[in-house]
Amino acid sequence: MLTENVKAQILKYQRNEITEYQIYRCLAAMQKSPENARILERIAADEKRHYEEWQGYTGEDVAPDWGRVRLYCWIGRIFGLTFSPPTSRRPGR
């Protein structure tokens, strides 16, 4: 059984994963290069898998941070892919 502090931390990780999943999907949809789009879709799939793994511990669904999704998609449209991929705020990543 998880303590409340541990569960709260895992829920943050879980939300981060689903947020990054949505960001990478958005960035993939913007790509003119099919190869870049495939790579971003693969990264998105990894993020979703990570979300589902955390969900196995919490038993909860969490919504993405839609503000962050919109921000990174906007950055991707304005500045391109080089400046837009999200960086995780987790240590060791």
PDB file of N, CA and C in Angstrom:
ATOM      1  N   MET A   1       0.838  -1.185   0.000  1.00  0.00           N
ATOM      2  CA  MET A   1       0.000   0.000   0.000  1.00  0.00           C
ATOM      3  C   MET A   1       0.885   1.251   0.000  1.00  0.00           C
ATOM      4  N   LEU A   2       0.508   2.223  -0.803  1.00  0.00           N
ATOM      5  CA  LEU A   2       1.295   3.442  -0.922  1.00  0.00           C
ATOM      6  C   LEU A   2       0.920   4.438   0.169  1.00  0.00           C
ATOM      7  N   THR A   3       1.928   5.131   0.681  1.00  0.00           N
ATOM      8  CA  THR A   3       1.625   6.233   1.595  1.00  0.00           C
ATOM      9  C   THR A   3       1.063   7.382   0.765  1.00  0.00           C
ATOM     10  N   GLU A   4       0.419   8.312   1.417  1.00  0.00           N
ATOM     11  CA  GLU A   4      -0.170   9.460   0.702  1.00  0.00           C
ATOM     12  C   GLU A   4       0.907  10.288   0.001  1.00  0.00           C
ATOM     13  N   ASN A   5       2.068  10.449   0.660  1.00  0.00           N
ATOM     14  CA  ASN A   5       3.155  11.220   0.043  1.00  0.00           C
ATOM     15  C   ASN A   5       3.691  10.537  -1.209  1.00  0.00           C
ATOM     16  N   VAL A   6       3.862   9.241  -1.136  1.00  0.00           N
ATOM     17  CA  VAL A   6       4.363   8.493  -2.291  1.00  0.00           C
ATOM     18  C   VAL A   6       3.336   8.520  -3.416  1.00  0.00           C
ATOM     19  N   LYS A   7       2.074   8.311  -3.070  1.00  0.00           N
ATOM     20  CA  LYS A   7       1.029   8.336  -4.097  1.00  0.00           C
ATOM     21  C   LYS A   7       0.948   9.709  -4.757  1.00  0.00           C
ATOM     22  N   ALA A   8       1.068  10.775  -3.982  1.00  0.00           N
ATOM     23  CA  ALA A   8       1.025  12.132  -4.544  1.00  0.00           C
ATOM     24  C   ALA A   8       2.177  12.340  -5.522  1.00  0.00           C
ATOM     25  N   GLN A   9       3.356  11.843  -5.184  1.00  0.00           N
ATOM     26  CA  GLN A   9       4.508  11.983  -6.075  1.00  0.00           C
ATOM     27  C   GLN A   9       4.308  11.177  -7.353  1.00  0.00           C
ATOM     28  N   ILE A  10       3.812   9.968  -7.224  1.00  0.00           N
ATOM     29  CA  ILE A  10       3.558   9.137  -8.398  1.00  0.00           C
ATOM     30  C   ILE A  10       2.501   9.776  -9.292  1.00  0.00           C
ATOM     31  N   LEU A  11       1.482  10.380  -8.710  1.00  0.00           N
ATOM     32  CA  LEU A  11       0.462  11.066  -9.512  1.00  0.00           C
ATOM     33  C   LEU A  11       1.063  12.226 -10.298  1.00  0.00           C
ATOM     34  N   LYS A  12       2.051  12.907  -9.716  1.00  0.00           N
ATOM     35  CA  LYS A  12       2.741  13.974 -10.464  1.00  0.00           C
ATOM     36  C   LYS A  12       3.483  13.388 -11.652  1.00  0.00           C
ATOM     37  N   TYR A  13       4.191  12.278 -11.421  1.00  0.00           N
ATOM     38  CA  TYR A  13       4.897  11.619 -12.522  1.00  0.00           C
ATOM     39  C   TYR A  13       3.908  11.179 -13.599  1.00  0.00           C
ATOM     40  N   GLN A  14       2.798  10.621 -13.148  1.00  0.00           N
ATOM     41  CA  GLN A  14       1.782  10.121 -14.065  1.00  0.00           C
ATOM     42  C   GLN A  14       1.230  11.267 -14.923  1.00  0.00           C
ATOM     43  N   ARG A  15       0.947  12.400 -14.292  1.00  0.00           N
ATOM     44  CA  ARG A  15       0.429  13.551 -15.044  1.00  0.00           C
ATOM     45  C   ARG A  15       1.474  14.055 -16.030  1.00  0.00           C
ATOM     46  N   ASN A  16       2.719  14.070 -15.622  1.00  0.00           N
ATOM     47  CA  ASN A  16       3.789  14.502 -16.517  1.00  0.00           C
ATOM     48  C   ASN A  16       3.871  13.595 -17.745  1.00  0.00           C
ATOM     49  N   GLU A  17       3.751  12.310 -17.544  1.00  0.00           N
ATOM     50  CA  GLU A  17       3.829  11.360 -18.669  1.00  0.00           C
ATOM     51  C   GLU A  17       2.683  11.568 -19.658  1.00  0.00           C
ATOM     52  N   ILE A  18       1.460  11.746 -19.161  1.00  0.00           N
ATOM     53  CA  ILE A  18       0.326  11.908 -20.076  1.00  0.00           C
ATOM     54  C   ILE A  18       0.384  13.277 -20.761  1.00  0.00           C
ATOM     55  N   THR A  19       0.945  14.268 -20.073  1.00  0.00           N
ATOM     56  CA  THR A  19       1.123  15.588 -20.679  1.00  0.00           C
ATOM     57  C   THR A  19       2.131  15.499 -21.820  1.00  0.00           C
ATOM     58  N   GLU A  20       3.252  14.842 -21.566  1.00  0.00           N
ATOM     59  CA  GLU A  20       4.267  14.704 -22.615  1.00  0.00           C
ATOM     60  C   GLU A  20       3.767  13.852 -23.773  1.00  0.00           C
ATOM     61  N   TYR A  21       2.947  12.861 -23.483  1.00  0.00           N
ATOM     62  CA  TYR A  21       2.320  12.069 -24.551  1.00  0.00           C
ATOM     63  C   TYR A  21       1.545  12.991 -25.495  1.00  0.00           C
ATOM     64  N   GLN A  22       0.731  13.859 -24.932  1.00  0.00           N
ATOM     65  CA  GLN A  22      -0.075  14.771 -25.757  1.00  0.00           C
ATOM     66  C   GLN A  22       0.806  15.762 -26.515  1.00  0.00           C
ATOM     67  N   ILE A  23       1.866  16.241 -25.879  1.00  0.00           N
ATOM     68  CA  ILE A  23       2.770  17.186 -26.552  1.00  0.00           C
ATOM     69  C   ILE A  23       3.440  16.523 -27.751  1.00  0.00           C
ATOM     70  N   TYR A  24       3.976  15.328 -27.552  1.00  0.00           N
ATOM     71  CA  TYR A  24       4.653  14.652 -28.658  1.00  0.00           C
ATOM     72  C   TYR A  24       3.696  14.295 -29.784  1.00  0.00           C
ATOM     73  N   ARG A  25       2.464  13.953 -29.450  1.00  0.00           N
ATOM     74  CA  ARG A  25       1.474  13.687 -30.509  1.00  0.00           C
ATOM     75  C   ARG A  25       1.206  14.953 -31.315  1.00  0.00           C
ATOM     76  N   CYS A  26       1.070  16.074 -30.626  1.00  0.00           N
ATOM     77  CA  CYS A  26       0.841  17.353 -31.297  1.00  0.00           C
ATOM     78  C   CYS A  26       2.019  17.702 -32.206  1.00  0.00           C
ATOM     79  N   LEU A  27       3.219  17.557 -31.688  1.00  0.00           N
ATOM     80  CA  LEU A  27       4.412  17.863 -32.484  1.00  0.00           C
ATOM     81  C   LEU A  27       4.521  16.927 -33.685  1.00  0.00           C
ATOM     82  N   ALA A  28       4.180  15.671 -33.509  1.00  0.00           N
ATOM     83  CA  ALA A  28       4.219  14.718 -34.614  1.00  0.00           C
ATOM     84  C   ALA A  28       3.257  15.126 -35.723  1.00  0.00           C
ATOM     85  N   ALA A  29       2.091  15.596 -35.329  1.00  0.00           N
ATOM     86  CA  ALA A  29       1.083  15.996 -36.319  1.00  0.00           C
ATOM     87  C   ALA A  29       1.535  17.197 -37.143  1.00  0.00           C
ATOM     88  N   MET A  30       2.450  17.982 -36.626  1.00  0.00           N
ATOM     89  CA  MET A  30       2.939  19.181 -37.329  1.00  0.00           C
ATOM     90  C   MET A  30       4.047  18.874 -38.331  1.00  0.00           C
ATOM     91  N   GLN A  31       4.622  17.693 -38.259  1.00  0.00           N
ATOM     92  CA  GLN A  31       5.819  17.388 -39.041  1.00  0.00           C
ATOM     93  C   GLN A  31       5.510  17.162 -40.514  1.00  0.00           C
ATOM     94  N   LYS A  32       6.346  17.753 -41.349  1.00  0.00           N
ATOM     95  CA  LYS A  32       6.255  17.505 -42.787  1.00  0.00           C
ATOM     96  C   LYS A  32       7.014  16.239 -43.152  1.00  0.00           C
ATOM     97  N   SER A  33       8.032  15.945 -42.363  1.00  0.00           N
ATOM     98  CA  SER A  33       8.842  14.758 -42.606  1.00  0.00           C
ATOM     99  C   SER A  33       8.175  13.540 -41.967  1.00  0.00           C
ATOM    100  N   PRO A  34       7.830  12.535 -42.781  1.00  0.00           N
ATOM    101  CA  PRO A  34       7.233  11.325 -42.205  1.00  0.00           C
ATOM    102  C   PRO A  34       8.155  10.644 -41.193  1.00  0.00           C
ATOM    103  N   GLU A  35       9.460  10.712 -41.420  1.00  0.00           N
ATOM    104  CA  GLU A  35      10.400  10.085 -40.489  1.00  0.00           C
ATOM    105  C   GLU A  35      10.366  10.788 -39.127  1.00  0.00           C
ATOM    106  N   ASN A  36      10.374  12.120 -39.128  1.00  0.00           N
ATOM    107  CA  ASN A  36      10.287  12.854 -37.862  1.00  0.00           C
ATOM    108  C   ASN A  36       8.962  12.564 -37.163  1.00  0.00           C
ATOM    109  N   ALA A  37       7.894  12.509 -37.932  1.00  0.00           N
ATOM    110  CA  ALA A  37       6.584  12.218 -37.346  1.00  0.00           C
ATOM    111  C   ALA A  37       6.576  10.839 -36.698  1.00  0.00           C
ATOM    112  N   ARG A  38       7.158   9.853 -37.359  1.00  0.00           N
ATOM    113  CA  ARG A  38       7.225   8.489 -36.800  1.00  0.00           C
ATOM    114  C   ARG A  38       8.021   8.464 -35.497  1.00  0.00           C
ATOM    115  N   ILE A  39       9.133   9.171 -35.481  1.00  0.00           N
ATOM    116  CA  ILE A  39       9.967   9.212 -34.272  1.00  0.00           C
ATOM    117  C   ILE A  39       9.190   9.839 -33.119  1.00  0.00           C
ATOM    118  N   LEU A  40       8.518  10.936 -33.386  1.00  0.00           N
ATOM    119  CA  LEU A  40       7.750  11.607 -32.334  1.00  0.00           C
ATOM    120  C   LEU A  40       6.573  10.747 -31.874  1.00  0.00           C
ATOM    121  N   GLU A  41       5.947  10.039 -32.789  1.00  0.00           N
ATOM    122  CA  GLU A  41       4.852   9.130 -32.396  1.00  0.00           C
ATOM    123  C   GLU A  41       5.386   7.994 -31.529  1.00  0.00           C
ATOM    124  N   ARG A  42       6.582   7.535 -31.834  1.00  0.00           N
ATOM    125  CA  ARG A  42       7.189   6.467 -31.025  1.00  0.00           C
ATOM    126  C   ARG A  42       7.501   6.977 -29.612  1.00  0.00           C
ATOM    127  N   ILE A  43       8.013   8.204 -29.521  1.00  0.00           N
ATOM    128  CA  ILE A  43       8.267   8.800 -28.207  1.00  0.00           C
ATOM    129  C   ILE A  43       6.953   8.968 -27.454  1.00  0.00           C
ATOM    130  N   ALA A  44       5.912   9.427 -28.166  1.00  0.00           N
ATOM    131  CA  ALA A  44       4.593   9.581 -27.535  1.00  0.00           C
ATOM    132  C   ALA A  44       4.095   8.247 -26.994  1.00  0.00           C
ATOM    133  N   ALA A  45       4.270   7.189 -27.753  1.00  0.00           N
ATOM    134  CA  ALA A  45       3.829   5.866 -27.308  1.00  0.00           C
ATOM    135  C   ALA A  45       4.582   5.436 -26.046  1.00  0.00           C
ATOM    136  N   ASP A  46       5.878   5.753 -25.977  1.00  0.00           N
ATOM    137  CA  ASP A  46       6.646   5.445 -24.771  1.00  0.00           C
ATOM    138  C   ASP A  46       6.103   6.207 -23.570  1.00  0.00           C
ATOM    139  N   GLU A  47       5.796   7.482 -23.779  1.00  0.00           N
ATOM    140  CA  GLU A  47       5.255   8.294 -22.684  1.00  0.00           C
ATOM    141  C   GLU A  47       3.917   7.735 -22.204  1.00  0.00           C
ATOM    142  N   LYS A  48       3.091   7.285 -23.136  1.00  0.00           N
ATOM    143  CA  LYS A  48       1.792   6.718 -22.748  1.00  0.00           C
ATOM    144  C   LYS A  48       1.988   5.418 -21.968  1.00  0.00           C
ATOM    145  N   ARG A  49       2.953   4.622 -22.396  1.00  0.00           N
ATOM    146  CA  ARG A  49       3.240   3.375 -21.684  1.00  0.00           C
ATOM    147  C   ARG A  49       3.712   3.678 -20.262  1.00  0.00           C
ATOM    148  N   HIS A  50       4.551   4.707 -20.115  1.00  0.00           N
ATOM    149  CA  HIS A  50       5.007   5.106 -18.782  1.00  0.00           C
ATOM    150  C   HIS A  50       3.818   5.547 -17.924  1.00  0.00           C
ATOM    151  N   TYR A  51       2.909   6.326 -18.523  1.00  0.00           N
ATOM    152  CA  TYR A  51       1.700   6.757 -17.828  1.00  0.00           C
ATOM    153  C   TYR A  51       0.910   5.552 -17.326  1.00  0.00           C
ATOM    154  N   GLU A  52       0.739   4.570 -18.194  1.00  0.00           N
ATOM    155  CA  GLU A  52      -0.035   3.379 -17.829  1.00  0.00           C
ATOM    156  C   GLU A  52       0.649   2.571 -16.728  1.00  0.00           C
ATOM    157  N   GLU A  53       1.989   2.557 -16.743  1.00  0.00           N
ATOM    158  CA  GLU A  53       2.714   1.867 -15.668  1.00  0.00           C
ATOM    159  C   GLU A  53       2.470   2.550 -14.328  1.00  0.00           C
ATOM    160  N   TRP A  54       2.556   3.889 -14.308  1.00  0.00           N
ATOM    161  CA  TRP A  54       2.271   4.623 -13.067  1.00  0.00           C
ATOM    162  C   TRP A  54       0.818   4.429 -12.651  1.00  0.00           C
ATOM    163  N   GLN A  55      -0.070   4.392 -13.627  1.00  0.00           N
ATOM    164  CA  GLN A  55      -1.491   4.201 -13.342  1.00  0.00           C
ATOM    165  C   GLN A  55      -1.730   2.859 -12.638  1.00  0.00           C
ATOM    166  N   GLY A  56      -0.918   1.874 -12.943  1.00  0.00           N
ATOM    167  CA  GLY A  56      -1.023   0.587 -12.280  1.00  0.00           C
ATOM    168  C   GLY A  56      -0.769   0.679 -10.781  1.00  0.00           C
ATOM    169  N   TYR A  57       0.051   1.640 -10.381  1.00  0.00           N
ATOM    170  CA  TYR A  57       0.327   1.837  -8.956  1.00  0.00           C
ATOM    171  C   TYR A  57      -0.754   2.668  -8.270  1.00  0.00           C
ATOM    172  N   THR A  58      -1.247   3.688  -8.983  1.00  0.00           N
ATOM    173  CA  THR A  58      -2.201   4.602  -8.343  1.00  0.00           C
ATOM    174  C   THR A  58      -3.641   4.156  -8.494  1.00  0.00           C
ATOM    175  N   GLY A  59      -3.940   3.443  -9.581  1.00  0.00           N
ATOM    176  CA  GLY A  59      -5.317   3.059  -9.860  1.00  0.00           C
ATOM    177  C   GLY A  59      -6.189   4.238 -10.248  1.00  0.00           C
ATOM    178  N   GLU A  60      -5.560   5.337 -10.626  1.00  0.00           N
ATOM    179  CA  GLU A  60      -6.302   6.556 -10.974  1.00  0.00           C
ATOM    180  C   GLU A  60      -5.966   7.025 -12.372  1.00  0.00           C
ATOM    181  N   ASP A  61      -6.943   7.699 -12.964  1.00  0.00           N
ATOM    182  CA  ASP A  61      -6.751   8.410 -14.221  1.00  0.00           C
ATOM    183  C   ASP A  61      -6.423   9.856 -13.881  1.00  0.00           C
ATOM    184  N   VAL A  62      -5.482  10.440 -14.573  1.00  0.00           N
ATOM    185  CA  VAL A  62      -5.198  11.861 -14.387  1.00  0.00           C
ATOM    186  C   VAL A  62      -5.225  12.542 -15.750  1.00  0.00           C
ATOM    187  N   ALA A  63      -5.623  13.790 -15.756  1.00  0.00           N
ATOM    188  CA  ALA A  63      -5.697  14.565 -16.993  1.00  0.00           C
ATOM    189  C   ALA A  63      -4.346  15.220 -17.264  1.00  0.00           C
ATOM    190  N   PRO A  64      -4.047  15.440 -18.531  1.00  0.00           N
ATOM    191  CA  PRO A  64      -2.814  16.156 -18.870  1.00  0.00           C
ATOM    192  C   PRO A  64      -2.893  17.608 -18.399  1.00  0.00           C
ATOM    193  N   ASP A  65      -1.759  18.245 -18.327  1.00  0.00           N
ATOM    194  CA  ASP A  65      -1.685  19.684 -18.081  1.00  0.00           C
ATOM    195  C   ASP A  65      -1.869  20.354 -19.444  1.00  0.00           C
ATOM    196  N   TRP A  66      -3.111  20.666 -19.773  1.00  0.00           N
ATOM    197  CA  TRP A  66      -3.425  21.181 -21.106  1.00  0.00           C
ATOM    198  C   TRP A  66      -2.760  22.527 -21.380  1.00  0.00           C
ATOM    199  N   GLY A  67      -2.527  23.322 -20.351  1.00  0.00           N
ATOM    200  CA  GLY A  67      -1.802  24.585 -20.553  1.00  0.00           C
ATOM    201  C   GLY A  67      -0.393  24.338 -21.051  1.00  0.00           C
ATOM    202  N   ARG A  68       0.265  23.371 -20.462  1.00  0.00           N
ATOM    203  CA  ARG A  68       1.614  23.015 -20.893  1.00  0.00           C
ATOM    204  C   ARG A  68       1.598  22.412 -22.300  1.00  0.00           C
ATOM    205  N   VAL A  69       0.593  21.603 -22.599  1.00  0.00           N
ATOM    206  CA  VAL A  69       0.467  21.037 -23.951  1.00  0.00           C
ATOM    207  C   VAL A  69       0.331  22.165 -24.968  1.00  0.00           C
ATOM    208  N   ARG A  70      -0.564  23.102 -24.692  1.00  0.00           N
ATOM    209  CA  ARG A  70      -0.760  24.231 -25.622  1.00  0.00           C
ATOM    210  C   ARG A  70       0.516  25.053 -25.784  1.00  0.00           C
ATOM    211  N   LEU A  71       1.216  25.293 -24.665  1.00  0.00           N
ATOM    212  CA  LEU A  71       2.448  26.080 -24.726  1.00  0.00           C
ATOM    213  C   LEU A  71       3.473  25.425 -25.639  1.00  0.00           C
ATOM    214  N   TYR A  72       3.754  24.142 -25.431  1.00  0.00           N
ATOM    215  CA  TYR A  72       4.769  23.479 -26.240  1.00  0.00           C
ATOM    216  C   TYR A  72       4.340  23.332 -27.696  1.00  0.00           C
ATOM    217  N   CYS A  73       3.073  23.140 -27.940  1.00  0.00           N
ATOM    218  CA  CYS A  73       2.604  23.065 -29.334  1.00  0.00           C
ATOM    219  C   CYS A  73       2.748  24.425 -30.011  1.00  0.00           C
ATOM    220  N   TRP A  74       2.456  25.476 -29.264  1.00  0.00           N
ATOM    221  CA  TRP A  74       2.629  26.836 -29.788  1.00  0.00           C
ATOM    222  C   TRP A  74       4.106  27.096 -30.093  1.00  0.00           C
ATOM    223  N   ILE A  75       4.976  26.735 -29.153  1.00  0.00           N
ATOM    224  CA  ILE A  75       6.418  26.904 -29.374  1.00  0.00           C
ATOM    225  C   ILE A  75       6.849  26.116 -30.617  1.00  0.00           C
ATOM    226  N   GLY A  76       6.312  24.912 -30.770  1.00  0.00           N
ATOM    227  CA  GLY A  76       6.640  24.103 -31.938  1.00  0.00           C
ATOM    228  C   GLY A  76       6.215  24.760 -33.240  1.00  0.00           C
ATOM    229  N   ARG A  77       5.061  25.389 -33.232  1.00  0.00           N
ATOM    230  CA  ARG A  77       4.588  26.074 -34.443  1.00  0.00           C
ATOM    231  C   ARG A  77       5.432  27.303 -34.763  1.00  0.00           C
ATOM    232  N   ILE A  78       5.813  28.051 -33.741  1.00  0.00           N
ATOM    233  CA  ILE A  78       6.552  29.295 -33.948  1.00  0.00           C
ATOM    234  C   ILE A  78       8.034  29.047 -34.226  1.00  0.00           C
ATOM    235  N   PHE A  79       8.678  28.238 -33.392  1.00  0.00           N
ATOM    236  CA  PHE A  79      10.123  28.079 -33.457  1.00  0.00           C
ATOM    237  C   PHE A  79      10.596  26.765 -34.069  1.00  0.00           C
ATOM    238  N   GLY A  80       9.694  25.830 -34.254  1.00  0.00           N
ATOM    239  CA  GLY A  80      10.076  24.555 -34.834  1.00  0.00           C
ATOM    240  C   GLY A  80      10.413  23.518 -33.779  1.00  0.00           C
ATOM    241  N   LEU A  81      10.688  22.343 -34.251  1.00  0.00           N
ATOM    242  CA  LEU A  81      10.886  21.184 -33.397  1.00  0.00           C
ATOM    243  C   LEU A  81      12.093  21.310 -32.469  1.00  0.00           C
ATOM    244  N   THR A  82      13.144  21.966 -32.912  1.00  0.00           N
ATOM    245  CA  THR A  82      14.368  22.053 -32.118  1.00  0.00           C
ATOM    246  C   THR A  82      14.125  22.667 -30.746  1.00  0.00           C
ATOM    247  N   PHE A  83      13.221  23.639 -30.660  1.00  0.00           N
ATOM    248  CA  PHE A  83      13.010  24.352 -29.412  1.00  0.00           C
ATOM    249  C   PHE A  83      11.787  23.888 -28.635  1.00  0.00           C
ATOM    250  N   SER A  84      11.065  22.913 -29.141  1.00  0.00           N
ATOM    251  CA  SER A  84       9.775  22.613 -28.527  1.00  0.00           C
ATOM    252  C   SER A  84       9.645  21.331 -27.715  1.00  0.00           C
ATOM    253  N   PRO A  85      10.498  20.305 -27.844  1.00  0.00           N
ATOM    254  CA  PRO A  85      10.250  19.100 -27.058  1.00  0.00           C
ATOM    255  C   PRO A  85      10.275  19.387 -25.563  1.00  0.00           C
ATOM    256  N   PRO A  86       9.355  18.810 -24.834  1.00  0.00           N
ATOM    257  CA  PRO A  86       9.315  19.039 -23.391  1.00  0.00           C
ATOM    258  C   PRO A  86      10.491  18.355 -22.705  1.00  0.00           C
ATOM    259  N   THR A  87      10.870  18.896 -21.588  1.00  0.00           N
ATOM    260  CA  THR A  87      11.887  18.230 -20.769  1.00  0.00           C
ATOM    261  C   THR A  87      11.236  17.865 -19.458  1.00  0.00           C
ATOM    262  N   SER A  88      11.429  16.662 -19.083  1.00  0.00           N
ATOM    263  CA  SER A  88      10.829  16.179 -17.854  1.00  0.00           C
ATOM    264  C   SER A  88      11.453  16.886 -16.668  1.00  0.00           C
ATOM    265  N   ARG A  89      10.645  17.092 -15.655  1.00  0.00           N
ATOM    266  CA  ARG A  89      11.139  17.726 -14.439  1.00  0.00           C
ATOM    267  C   ARG A  89      11.560  16.682 -13.406  1.00  0.00           C
ATOM    268  N   ARG A  90      11.550  15.433 -13.809  1.00  0.00           N
ATOM    269  CA  ARG A  90      11.948  14.365 -12.878  1.00  0.00           C
ATOM    270  C   ARG A  90      13.455  14.276 -12.813  1.00  0.00           C
ATOM    271  N   PRO A  91      13.973  13.981 -11.645  1.00  0.00           N
ATOM    272  CA  PRO A  91      15.417  13.757 -11.540  1.00  0.00           C
ATOM    273  C   PRO A  91      15.829  12.535 -12.353  1.00  0.00           C
ATOM    274  N   GLY A  92      17.011  12.585 -12.898  1.00  0.00           N
ATOM    275  CA  GLY A  92      17.546  11.442 -13.624  1.00  0.00           C
ATOM    276  C   GLY A  92      16.992  11.271 -15.018  1.00  0.00           C
ATOM    277  N   ARG A  93      16.328  12.287 -15.534  1.00  0.00           N
ATOM    278  CA  ARG A  93      15.790  12.170 -16.881  1.00  0.00           C
ATOM    279  C   ARG A  93      16.144  13.352 -17.727  1.00  0.00           C
TER     280      ARG A  93
END
